[in-house]
N, C-alpha and C. Protein backbone atom coordinates (compact mmCIF):
# COMPACT_ATOMS: atom_id res chain seq x y z
N MET A 1 -18.62 34.33 -15.88
CA MET A 1 -17.98 33.08 -16.21
C MET A 1 -16.64 32.96 -15.48
N LYS A 2 -15.89 34.08 -15.43
CA LYS A 2 -14.60 34.07 -14.77
C LYS A 2 -14.76 33.77 -13.27
N LYS A 3 -15.81 34.34 -12.64
CA LYS A 3 -16.06 34.10 -11.22
C LYS A 3 -16.40 32.64 -10.97
N LEU A 4 -17.16 32.03 -11.90
CA LEU A 4 -17.51 30.62 -11.77
C LEU A 4 -16.25 29.75 -11.84
N ALA A 5 -15.35 30.06 -12.77
CA ALA A 5 -14.11 29.30 -12.91
C ALA A 5 -13.26 29.42 -11.65
N ILE A 6 -13.16 30.63 -11.09
CA ILE A 6 -12.39 30.83 -9.85
C ILE A 6 -13.04 30.06 -8.71
N PHE A 7 -14.35 30.10 -8.62
CA PHE A 7 -15.07 29.36 -7.57
C PHE A 7 -14.81 27.85 -7.69
N LEU A 8 -14.91 27.31 -8.91
CA LEU A 8 -14.68 25.88 -9.11
C LEU A 8 -13.25 25.50 -8.76
N PHE A 9 -12.29 26.33 -9.17
CA PHE A 9 -10.88 26.06 -8.87
C PHE A 9 -10.65 26.08 -7.36
N ALA A 10 -11.20 27.10 -6.69
CA ALA A 10 -11.05 27.19 -5.23
C ALA A 10 -11.72 26.00 -4.55
N SER A 11 -12.87 25.55 -5.04
CA SER A 11 -13.55 24.39 -4.48
C SER A 11 -12.71 23.14 -4.63
N LEU A 12 -12.11 22.98 -5.79
CA LEU A 12 -11.24 21.82 -6.03
C LEU A 12 -10.06 21.83 -5.08
N LEU A 13 -9.43 22.99 -4.91
CA LEU A 13 -8.30 23.09 -3.98
C LEU A 13 -8.74 22.77 -2.56
N GLY A 14 -9.90 23.25 -2.17
CA GLY A 14 -10.41 22.98 -0.83
C GLY A 14 -10.67 21.51 -0.62
N ALA A 15 -11.24 20.83 -1.62
CA ALA A 15 -11.53 19.40 -1.51
C ALA A 15 -10.24 18.60 -1.43
N THR A 16 -9.23 18.99 -2.20
CA THR A 16 -7.96 18.29 -2.18
C THR A 16 -7.25 18.53 -0.86
N ALA A 17 -7.33 19.73 -0.34
CA ALA A 17 -6.62 20.07 0.88
C ALA A 17 -7.15 19.30 2.08
N GLN A 18 -8.40 18.83 2.03
CA GLN A 18 -8.96 18.12 3.17
C GLN A 18 -8.45 16.70 3.29
N ALA A 19 -8.00 16.09 2.21
CA ALA A 19 -7.46 14.73 2.28
C ALA A 19 -6.10 14.81 2.95
N ALA A 20 -5.95 14.09 4.05
CA ALA A 20 -4.69 14.10 4.77
C ALA A 20 -3.72 13.10 4.13
N GLU A 21 -2.44 13.45 4.17
CA GLU A 21 -1.42 12.54 3.65
C GLU A 21 -0.78 11.80 4.81
N TYR A 22 -0.58 10.51 4.60
CA TYR A 22 -0.01 9.62 5.60
C TYR A 22 1.22 8.92 5.03
N VAL A 23 2.24 8.76 5.86
CA VAL A 23 3.41 7.99 5.50
C VAL A 23 3.23 6.60 6.11
N ILE A 24 3.44 5.58 5.29
CA ILE A 24 3.29 4.21 5.79
C ILE A 24 4.37 3.94 6.83
N ASP A 25 3.93 3.45 8.00
CA ASP A 25 4.82 3.23 9.14
C ASP A 25 5.55 1.90 9.02
N THR A 26 6.62 1.89 8.23
CA THR A 26 7.43 0.67 8.12
C THR A 26 8.54 0.66 9.17
N LYS A 27 8.93 1.83 9.66
CA LYS A 27 9.99 1.90 10.67
C LYS A 27 9.52 1.30 12.00
N GLY A 28 8.26 1.50 12.33
CA GLY A 28 7.71 0.95 13.57
C GLY A 28 7.14 -0.45 13.39
N ALA A 29 7.36 -1.03 12.23
CA ALA A 29 6.87 -2.39 11.93
C ALA A 29 5.36 -2.49 12.11
N HIS A 30 4.65 -1.47 11.61
CA HIS A 30 3.19 -1.47 11.66
C HIS A 30 2.58 -1.58 10.28
N ALA A 31 3.34 -2.14 9.34
CA ALA A 31 2.83 -2.35 8.00
C ALA A 31 3.48 -3.63 7.46
N PHE A 32 2.71 -4.39 6.70
CA PHE A 32 3.20 -5.68 6.21
C PHE A 32 2.69 -5.93 4.81
N ILE A 33 3.55 -6.48 3.97
CA ILE A 33 3.15 -6.99 2.66
C ILE A 33 3.53 -8.47 2.66
N GLN A 34 2.51 -9.30 2.67
CA GLN A 34 2.72 -10.74 2.75
C GLN A 34 2.10 -11.42 1.53
N PHE A 35 2.50 -12.64 1.28
CA PHE A 35 1.90 -13.40 0.19
C PHE A 35 1.77 -14.85 0.61
N ARG A 36 0.90 -15.55 -0.10
CA ARG A 36 0.79 -16.98 0.09
C ARG A 36 0.39 -17.61 -1.24
N ILE A 37 0.87 -18.82 -1.42
CA ILE A 37 0.57 -19.58 -2.62
C ILE A 37 0.48 -21.05 -2.22
N LYS A 38 -0.39 -21.78 -2.85
CA LYS A 38 -0.53 -23.19 -2.51
C LYS A 38 0.73 -23.95 -2.90
N HIS A 39 1.13 -24.86 -2.04
CA HIS A 39 2.26 -25.74 -2.32
C HIS A 39 1.72 -27.10 -2.70
N LEU A 40 1.76 -27.39 -3.99
CA LEU A 40 1.29 -28.67 -4.55
C LEU A 40 -0.18 -28.94 -4.29
N GLY A 41 -0.91 -27.95 -3.81
CA GLY A 41 -2.32 -28.15 -3.49
C GLY A 41 -2.53 -28.80 -2.13
N TYR A 42 -1.45 -28.98 -1.36
CA TYR A 42 -1.55 -29.68 -0.07
C TYR A 42 -1.46 -28.74 1.13
N SER A 43 -0.80 -27.62 0.94
CA SER A 43 -0.61 -26.67 2.04
C SER A 43 -0.33 -25.29 1.45
N TRP A 44 -0.03 -24.33 2.31
CA TRP A 44 0.26 -22.96 1.88
C TRP A 44 1.72 -22.63 2.15
N LEU A 45 2.34 -21.95 1.21
CA LEU A 45 3.66 -21.36 1.40
C LEU A 45 3.44 -19.88 1.65
N TYR A 46 3.96 -19.37 2.77
CA TYR A 46 3.81 -17.95 3.12
C TYR A 46 5.15 -17.23 2.98
N GLY A 47 5.09 -15.96 2.68
CA GLY A 47 6.28 -15.13 2.64
C GLY A 47 5.90 -13.67 2.81
N ARG A 48 6.92 -12.82 2.80
CA ARG A 48 6.68 -11.39 2.98
C ARG A 48 7.80 -10.61 2.31
N PHE A 49 7.57 -9.31 2.17
CA PHE A 49 8.60 -8.38 1.72
C PHE A 49 8.91 -7.47 2.90
N ASP A 50 10.16 -7.46 3.33
CA ASP A 50 10.55 -6.73 4.54
C ASP A 50 10.88 -5.26 4.31
N ASP A 51 11.20 -4.89 3.07
CA ASP A 51 11.63 -3.52 2.81
C ASP A 51 10.72 -2.87 1.76
N PHE A 52 9.91 -1.92 2.21
CA PHE A 52 9.03 -1.18 1.32
C PHE A 52 8.72 0.16 1.95
N ASN A 53 8.18 1.07 1.15
CA ASN A 53 7.79 2.38 1.67
C ASN A 53 6.66 2.92 0.80
N GLY A 54 6.06 3.97 1.29
CA GLY A 54 4.99 4.58 0.52
C GLY A 54 4.20 5.57 1.34
N SER A 55 3.17 6.08 0.70
CA SER A 55 2.29 7.04 1.36
C SER A 55 0.88 6.90 0.78
N PHE A 56 -0.09 7.42 1.52
CA PHE A 56 -1.46 7.42 1.02
C PHE A 56 -2.17 8.68 1.46
N GLN A 57 -3.23 9.00 0.73
CA GLN A 57 -4.09 10.12 1.07
C GLN A 57 -5.45 9.56 1.44
N TYR A 58 -6.03 10.11 2.52
CA TYR A 58 -7.31 9.59 2.99
C TYR A 58 -8.08 10.68 3.69
N ASP A 59 -9.36 10.78 3.34
CA ASP A 59 -10.29 11.70 3.98
C ASP A 59 -11.54 10.89 4.31
N GLU A 60 -11.81 10.69 5.60
CA GLU A 60 -12.95 9.86 6.02
C GLU A 60 -14.27 10.34 5.43
N SER A 61 -14.41 11.65 5.22
CA SER A 61 -15.67 12.18 4.68
C SER A 61 -15.76 12.03 3.16
N LYS A 62 -14.65 11.70 2.53
CA LYS A 62 -14.63 11.53 1.07
C LYS A 62 -13.67 10.39 0.69
N PRO A 63 -13.98 9.16 1.11
CA PRO A 63 -13.05 8.05 0.88
C PRO A 63 -12.79 7.76 -0.60
N GLU A 64 -13.72 8.11 -1.47
CA GLU A 64 -13.53 7.85 -2.91
C GLU A 64 -12.36 8.63 -3.48
N ALA A 65 -11.86 9.64 -2.76
CA ALA A 65 -10.71 10.43 -3.22
C ALA A 65 -9.39 9.85 -2.69
N SER A 66 -9.43 8.71 -2.03
CA SER A 66 -8.23 8.10 -1.46
C SER A 66 -7.27 7.63 -2.55
N SER A 67 -5.99 7.64 -2.21
CA SER A 67 -4.98 7.14 -3.14
C SER A 67 -3.79 6.62 -2.35
N ILE A 68 -2.99 5.76 -2.99
CA ILE A 68 -1.81 5.18 -2.34
C ILE A 68 -0.74 4.90 -3.38
N ASN A 69 0.52 5.05 -2.96
CA ASN A 69 1.69 4.69 -3.76
C ASN A 69 2.62 3.87 -2.88
N VAL A 70 3.07 2.73 -3.38
CA VAL A 70 3.95 1.85 -2.61
C VAL A 70 5.10 1.40 -3.50
N ASN A 71 6.32 1.39 -2.93
CA ASN A 71 7.52 0.89 -3.59
C ASN A 71 8.06 -0.28 -2.77
N ILE A 72 8.33 -1.40 -3.42
CA ILE A 72 8.77 -2.61 -2.72
C ILE A 72 10.13 -3.03 -3.24
N ASP A 73 11.07 -3.24 -2.33
CA ASP A 73 12.36 -3.83 -2.67
C ASP A 73 12.14 -5.34 -2.72
N VAL A 74 12.01 -5.91 -3.93
CA VAL A 74 11.66 -7.33 -4.03
C VAL A 74 12.79 -8.24 -3.55
N ASN A 75 14.00 -7.71 -3.46
CA ASN A 75 15.11 -8.50 -2.91
C ASN A 75 14.92 -8.77 -1.42
N SER A 76 14.01 -8.03 -0.78
CA SER A 76 13.76 -8.21 0.66
C SER A 76 12.79 -9.36 0.94
N LEU A 77 12.45 -10.14 -0.09
CA LEU A 77 11.57 -11.29 0.06
C LEU A 77 12.10 -12.24 1.13
N ASP A 78 11.20 -12.74 1.96
CA ASP A 78 11.56 -13.69 3.01
C ASP A 78 10.45 -14.72 3.14
N SER A 79 10.75 -15.97 2.79
CA SER A 79 9.78 -17.06 2.95
C SER A 79 10.22 -18.04 4.03
N ASN A 80 11.18 -17.61 4.85
CA ASN A 80 11.67 -18.40 5.97
C ASN A 80 12.44 -19.65 5.52
N HIS A 81 13.06 -19.57 4.33
CA HIS A 81 13.86 -20.68 3.83
C HIS A 81 14.87 -20.09 2.84
N ALA A 82 16.15 -20.04 3.21
CA ALA A 82 17.18 -19.34 2.43
C ALA A 82 17.30 -19.85 1.00
N GLU A 83 17.32 -21.15 0.80
CA GLU A 83 17.47 -21.70 -0.56
C GLU A 83 16.25 -21.38 -1.42
N ARG A 84 15.07 -21.48 -0.85
CA ARG A 84 13.85 -21.13 -1.61
C ARG A 84 13.86 -19.64 -1.94
N ASP A 85 14.25 -18.81 -0.99
CA ASP A 85 14.31 -17.37 -1.24
C ASP A 85 15.26 -17.04 -2.38
N LYS A 86 16.39 -17.73 -2.42
CA LYS A 86 17.36 -17.53 -3.50
C LYS A 86 16.71 -17.87 -4.85
N HIS A 87 15.96 -18.96 -4.90
CA HIS A 87 15.27 -19.36 -6.13
C HIS A 87 14.19 -18.34 -6.50
N LEU A 88 13.40 -17.90 -5.53
CA LEU A 88 12.34 -16.94 -5.79
C LEU A 88 12.89 -15.59 -6.28
N ARG A 89 14.09 -15.23 -5.84
CA ARG A 89 14.72 -13.98 -6.29
C ARG A 89 15.33 -14.11 -7.68
N GLY A 90 15.50 -15.32 -8.15
CA GLY A 90 16.18 -15.57 -9.42
C GLY A 90 15.29 -15.37 -10.64
N GLU A 91 15.86 -15.71 -11.82
CA GLU A 91 15.20 -15.49 -13.11
C GLU A 91 13.88 -16.24 -13.25
N ASP A 92 13.72 -17.41 -12.60
CA ASP A 92 12.48 -18.17 -12.73
C ASP A 92 11.28 -17.44 -12.14
N PHE A 93 11.54 -16.57 -11.18
CA PHE A 93 10.43 -15.89 -10.50
C PHE A 93 10.58 -14.37 -10.57
N LEU A 94 11.10 -13.74 -9.54
CA LEU A 94 11.10 -12.27 -9.46
C LEU A 94 12.23 -11.60 -10.25
N PHE A 95 13.30 -12.31 -10.52
CA PHE A 95 14.43 -11.80 -11.31
C PHE A 95 14.87 -10.45 -10.76
N VAL A 96 15.21 -10.42 -9.46
CA VAL A 96 15.52 -9.16 -8.77
C VAL A 96 16.75 -8.45 -9.32
N GLU A 97 17.65 -9.18 -9.95
CA GLU A 97 18.83 -8.55 -10.53
C GLU A 97 18.43 -7.56 -11.63
N LYS A 98 17.42 -7.92 -12.40
CA LYS A 98 16.95 -7.06 -13.49
C LYS A 98 15.80 -6.15 -13.05
N TYR A 99 14.94 -6.64 -12.14
CA TYR A 99 13.76 -5.90 -11.69
C TYR A 99 13.77 -5.78 -10.15
N PRO A 100 14.60 -4.89 -9.60
CA PRO A 100 14.76 -4.82 -8.14
C PRO A 100 13.58 -4.22 -7.38
N THR A 101 12.68 -3.55 -8.10
CA THR A 101 11.58 -2.85 -7.43
C THR A 101 10.24 -3.23 -8.03
N ALA A 102 9.26 -3.41 -7.18
CA ALA A 102 7.86 -3.54 -7.59
C ALA A 102 7.14 -2.31 -7.07
N THR A 103 6.10 -1.88 -7.77
CA THR A 103 5.36 -0.69 -7.34
C THR A 103 3.86 -0.93 -7.46
N PHE A 104 3.13 -0.22 -6.64
CA PHE A 104 1.67 -0.17 -6.77
C PHE A 104 1.26 1.29 -6.69
N LYS A 105 0.48 1.72 -7.68
CA LYS A 105 -0.03 3.10 -7.69
C LYS A 105 -1.53 3.00 -7.94
N SER A 106 -2.32 3.48 -6.99
CA SER A 106 -3.77 3.38 -7.14
C SER A 106 -4.28 4.32 -8.22
N THR A 107 -5.40 3.92 -8.82
CA THR A 107 -6.05 4.76 -9.83
C THR A 107 -7.47 5.14 -9.40
N SER A 108 -8.07 4.35 -8.49
CA SER A 108 -9.41 4.70 -7.99
C SER A 108 -9.72 3.91 -6.73
N TYR A 109 -10.67 4.44 -5.98
CA TYR A 109 -11.17 3.74 -4.80
C TYR A 109 -12.69 3.83 -4.81
N GLU A 110 -13.34 2.70 -4.66
CA GLU A 110 -14.80 2.64 -4.66
C GLU A 110 -15.28 2.15 -3.29
N PRO A 111 -15.81 3.07 -2.45
CA PRO A 111 -16.30 2.66 -1.13
C PRO A 111 -17.52 1.74 -1.27
N ALA A 112 -17.63 0.78 -0.34
CA ALA A 112 -18.76 -0.15 -0.35
C ALA A 112 -19.52 -0.10 0.97
N GLY A 113 -19.21 0.84 1.83
CA GLY A 113 -19.89 0.98 3.12
C GLY A 113 -19.21 0.20 4.22
N ASP A 114 -19.46 0.58 5.45
CA ASP A 114 -18.88 -0.07 6.64
C ASP A 114 -17.36 -0.14 6.60
N GLY A 115 -16.70 0.88 6.03
CA GLY A 115 -15.25 0.93 5.98
C GLY A 115 -14.62 0.01 4.95
N LYS A 116 -15.43 -0.61 4.12
CA LYS A 116 -14.92 -1.52 3.10
C LYS A 116 -14.95 -0.84 1.74
N GLY A 117 -14.14 -1.37 0.83
CA GLY A 117 -14.13 -0.83 -0.51
C GLY A 117 -13.20 -1.59 -1.43
N LYS A 118 -13.13 -1.13 -2.66
CA LYS A 118 -12.28 -1.74 -3.69
C LYS A 118 -11.30 -0.69 -4.17
N LEU A 119 -10.01 -0.99 -4.00
CA LEU A 119 -8.94 -0.12 -4.43
C LEU A 119 -8.35 -0.69 -5.71
N THR A 120 -8.41 0.06 -6.77
CA THR A 120 -7.88 -0.39 -8.06
C THR A 120 -6.63 0.42 -8.37
N GLY A 121 -5.66 -0.25 -8.99
CA GLY A 121 -4.44 0.45 -9.35
C GLY A 121 -3.55 -0.41 -10.21
N ASP A 122 -2.39 0.13 -10.53
CA ASP A 122 -1.43 -0.54 -11.39
C ASP A 122 -0.31 -1.15 -10.56
N LEU A 123 -0.17 -2.47 -10.66
CA LEU A 123 0.94 -3.19 -10.02
C LEU A 123 1.99 -3.43 -11.09
N THR A 124 3.22 -3.02 -10.79
CA THR A 124 4.34 -3.33 -11.67
C THR A 124 5.23 -4.32 -10.94
N LEU A 125 5.36 -5.49 -11.54
CA LEU A 125 6.13 -6.59 -10.95
C LEU A 125 6.88 -7.28 -12.08
N ARG A 126 8.17 -7.45 -11.89
CA ARG A 126 9.01 -8.12 -12.89
C ARG A 126 8.95 -7.40 -14.25
N GLY A 127 8.81 -6.08 -14.20
CA GLY A 127 8.79 -5.26 -15.40
C GLY A 127 7.47 -5.22 -16.14
N VAL A 128 6.44 -5.87 -15.60
CA VAL A 128 5.12 -5.92 -16.23
C VAL A 128 4.15 -5.11 -15.37
N THR A 129 3.37 -4.25 -16.01
CA THR A 129 2.37 -3.46 -15.29
C THR A 129 0.98 -3.93 -15.68
N LYS A 130 0.19 -4.28 -14.65
CA LYS A 130 -1.19 -4.75 -14.87
C LYS A 130 -2.08 -4.12 -13.81
N PRO A 131 -3.35 -3.88 -14.15
CA PRO A 131 -4.29 -3.40 -13.13
C PRO A 131 -4.70 -4.54 -12.20
N ILE A 132 -4.80 -4.24 -10.93
CA ILE A 132 -5.32 -5.19 -9.95
C ILE A 132 -6.32 -4.45 -9.06
N THR A 133 -7.17 -5.21 -8.38
CA THR A 133 -8.12 -4.64 -7.43
C THR A 133 -7.89 -5.29 -6.08
N ILE A 134 -7.80 -4.46 -5.06
CA ILE A 134 -7.56 -4.91 -3.69
C ILE A 134 -8.84 -4.67 -2.88
N ASP A 135 -9.34 -5.72 -2.24
CA ASP A 135 -10.46 -5.57 -1.31
C ASP A 135 -9.91 -4.99 -0.01
N VAL A 136 -10.40 -3.81 0.37
CA VAL A 136 -9.85 -3.05 1.49
C VAL A 136 -10.87 -2.90 2.61
N THR A 137 -10.38 -2.95 3.84
CA THR A 137 -11.18 -2.65 5.02
C THR A 137 -10.44 -1.63 5.88
N HIS A 138 -11.12 -0.55 6.24
CA HIS A 138 -10.55 0.44 7.16
C HIS A 138 -10.60 -0.15 8.56
N VAL A 139 -9.45 -0.33 9.17
CA VAL A 139 -9.38 -0.93 10.51
C VAL A 139 -9.72 0.12 11.57
N GLY A 140 -9.17 1.33 11.40
CA GLY A 140 -9.46 2.39 12.36
C GLY A 140 -8.50 3.54 12.21
N GLY A 141 -8.76 4.59 12.96
CA GLY A 141 -7.91 5.76 12.92
C GLY A 141 -8.11 6.61 14.16
N GLY A 142 -7.09 7.40 14.48
CA GLY A 142 -7.19 8.29 15.62
C GLY A 142 -5.83 8.73 16.13
N LYS A 143 -5.86 9.43 17.25
CA LYS A 143 -4.61 9.93 17.85
C LYS A 143 -3.81 8.78 18.43
N ASP A 144 -2.48 8.92 18.32
CA ASP A 144 -1.60 7.93 18.95
C ASP A 144 -1.02 8.52 20.24
N PRO A 145 -0.35 7.71 21.07
CA PRO A 145 0.18 8.20 22.35
C PRO A 145 1.31 9.23 22.23
N TRP A 146 1.84 9.45 21.02
CA TRP A 146 2.97 10.34 20.83
C TRP A 146 2.57 11.66 20.21
N GLY A 147 1.28 11.95 20.15
CA GLY A 147 0.80 13.23 19.64
C GLY A 147 0.53 13.24 18.14
N GLY A 148 0.65 12.09 17.49
CA GLY A 148 0.37 11.99 16.06
C GLY A 148 -1.03 11.49 15.80
N PHE A 149 -1.32 11.26 14.54
CA PHE A 149 -2.62 10.75 14.13
C PHE A 149 -2.38 9.65 13.11
N ARG A 150 -3.08 8.53 13.25
CA ARG A 150 -2.86 7.36 12.40
C ARG A 150 -4.15 6.84 11.79
N GLN A 151 -3.99 6.16 10.66
CA GLN A 151 -5.08 5.43 10.01
C GLN A 151 -4.54 4.06 9.64
N GLY A 152 -5.39 3.03 9.75
CA GLY A 152 -4.95 1.69 9.40
C GLY A 152 -5.94 0.97 8.51
N PHE A 153 -5.41 0.19 7.58
CA PHE A 153 -6.20 -0.55 6.61
C PHE A 153 -5.63 -1.95 6.43
N THR A 154 -6.49 -2.87 6.04
CA THR A 154 -6.06 -4.20 5.65
C THR A 154 -6.70 -4.51 4.30
N GLY A 155 -6.03 -5.34 3.53
CA GLY A 155 -6.57 -5.67 2.22
C GLY A 155 -5.97 -6.94 1.66
N SER A 156 -6.61 -7.46 0.64
CA SER A 156 -6.08 -8.64 -0.02
C SER A 156 -6.48 -8.63 -1.49
N THR A 157 -5.67 -9.31 -2.27
CA THR A 157 -5.92 -9.46 -3.70
C THR A 157 -5.25 -10.75 -4.14
N GLU A 158 -5.60 -11.21 -5.30
CA GLU A 158 -4.88 -12.33 -5.87
C GLU A 158 -4.73 -12.11 -7.37
N PHE A 159 -3.69 -12.72 -7.92
CA PHE A 159 -3.43 -12.60 -9.35
C PHE A 159 -2.65 -13.82 -9.82
N LYS A 160 -2.72 -14.05 -11.11
CA LYS A 160 -2.02 -15.17 -11.72
C LYS A 160 -0.56 -14.80 -11.95
N LEU A 161 0.34 -15.71 -11.60
CA LEU A 161 1.76 -15.48 -11.79
C LEU A 161 2.09 -15.20 -13.26
N LYS A 162 1.45 -15.93 -14.16
CA LYS A 162 1.77 -15.77 -15.59
C LYS A 162 1.43 -14.37 -16.10
N ASP A 163 0.49 -13.67 -15.44
CA ASP A 163 0.16 -12.30 -15.85
C ASP A 163 1.34 -11.36 -15.69
N PHE A 164 2.30 -11.73 -14.85
CA PHE A 164 3.48 -10.91 -14.61
C PHE A 164 4.75 -11.58 -15.12
N GLY A 165 4.59 -12.45 -16.10
CA GLY A 165 5.74 -13.07 -16.75
C GLY A 165 6.41 -14.17 -15.98
N ILE A 166 5.74 -14.71 -14.97
CA ILE A 166 6.30 -15.82 -14.18
C ILE A 166 5.60 -17.08 -14.65
N ASP A 167 6.31 -17.88 -15.44
CA ASP A 167 5.67 -19.07 -16.00
C ASP A 167 6.32 -20.37 -15.52
N TYR A 168 7.03 -20.31 -14.43
CA TYR A 168 7.64 -21.50 -13.84
C TYR A 168 6.52 -22.46 -13.41
N ASP A 169 6.62 -23.71 -13.79
CA ASP A 169 5.55 -24.69 -13.51
C ASP A 169 5.60 -25.17 -12.07
N LEU A 170 4.66 -24.68 -11.29
CA LEU A 170 4.52 -25.10 -9.89
C LEU A 170 3.38 -26.09 -9.72
N GLY A 171 2.76 -26.50 -10.82
CA GLY A 171 1.61 -27.40 -10.76
C GLY A 171 0.32 -26.62 -10.85
N PRO A 172 -0.77 -27.32 -11.18
CA PRO A 172 -2.05 -26.64 -11.42
C PRO A 172 -2.64 -25.93 -10.21
N ALA A 173 -2.31 -26.36 -9.01
CA ALA A 173 -2.88 -25.74 -7.81
C ALA A 173 -2.14 -24.47 -7.41
N SER A 174 -1.01 -24.19 -8.07
CA SER A 174 -0.15 -23.08 -7.65
C SER A 174 0.05 -22.04 -8.74
N GLN A 175 -1.02 -21.66 -9.39
CA GLN A 175 -0.95 -20.68 -10.47
C GLN A 175 -1.28 -19.27 -10.01
N THR A 176 -1.93 -19.16 -8.85
CA THR A 176 -2.41 -17.87 -8.35
C THR A 176 -1.76 -17.58 -7.00
N VAL A 177 -1.31 -16.35 -6.83
CA VAL A 177 -0.73 -15.92 -5.55
C VAL A 177 -1.69 -14.94 -4.90
N GLU A 178 -1.80 -15.02 -3.59
CA GLU A 178 -2.63 -14.08 -2.82
C GLU A 178 -1.71 -13.13 -2.07
N MET A 179 -2.01 -11.83 -2.16
CA MET A 179 -1.25 -10.82 -1.42
C MET A 179 -2.13 -10.32 -0.28
N ILE A 180 -1.54 -10.23 0.91
CA ILE A 180 -2.22 -9.73 2.09
C ILE A 180 -1.48 -8.48 2.54
N LEU A 181 -2.18 -7.37 2.65
CA LEU A 181 -1.55 -6.09 2.94
C LEU A 181 -2.14 -5.48 4.21
N ASP A 182 -1.29 -5.09 5.11
CA ASP A 182 -1.73 -4.38 6.31
C ASP A 182 -0.90 -3.11 6.39
N VAL A 183 -1.60 -1.96 6.39
CA VAL A 183 -0.93 -0.68 6.30
C VAL A 183 -1.41 0.23 7.42
N GLU A 184 -0.47 0.77 8.18
CA GLU A 184 -0.77 1.81 9.17
C GLU A 184 0.03 3.03 8.77
N GLY A 185 -0.65 4.15 8.65
CA GLY A 185 0.02 5.37 8.23
C GLY A 185 -0.01 6.44 9.31
N ILE A 186 1.04 7.24 9.34
CA ILE A 186 1.15 8.37 10.27
C ILE A 186 0.92 9.66 9.47
N ARG A 187 -0.04 10.45 9.92
CA ARG A 187 -0.34 11.69 9.20
C ARG A 187 0.85 12.64 9.24
N LYS A 188 1.14 13.22 8.07
CA LYS A 188 2.24 14.19 7.99
C LYS A 188 1.87 15.49 8.66
């Protein structure tokens, strides 16, 4: 029985050791967190968060063991309009003075084949934590020109603003925000 326990423990360590850890490349501007929401139902308002960091673990032979952690400075919001950004940072929306950071921590990944899958995790925004699911596609991976190794993913999700305590009335067409995520990581 003791030998079986040692074997299982060693197997677990071996499986964990194979997943490579990657740092999200925000310094090289190869990662983006963007959002869009309908404006009055007539057009789209786009924005992004310029300051964030994180890391992920990924093993191509065992993608279901993948995980990611991301920290976002919500004050870095940029919608290309200073007055609107000021309003979005205020109490009606993100309330950055009280909640300066948003986080995402994955809890599971379900591969769907062809590099696609569903990443589920906990998003904390404006002090509220809720589970969300991100539709993910593996863009590619391999050696870079500087002797490193990279992996890249894209994904999207949407959620209702009111689920995170944002109840400012933007009209019936503007209740849901879509997040678009593009992440390139450099293997440690």
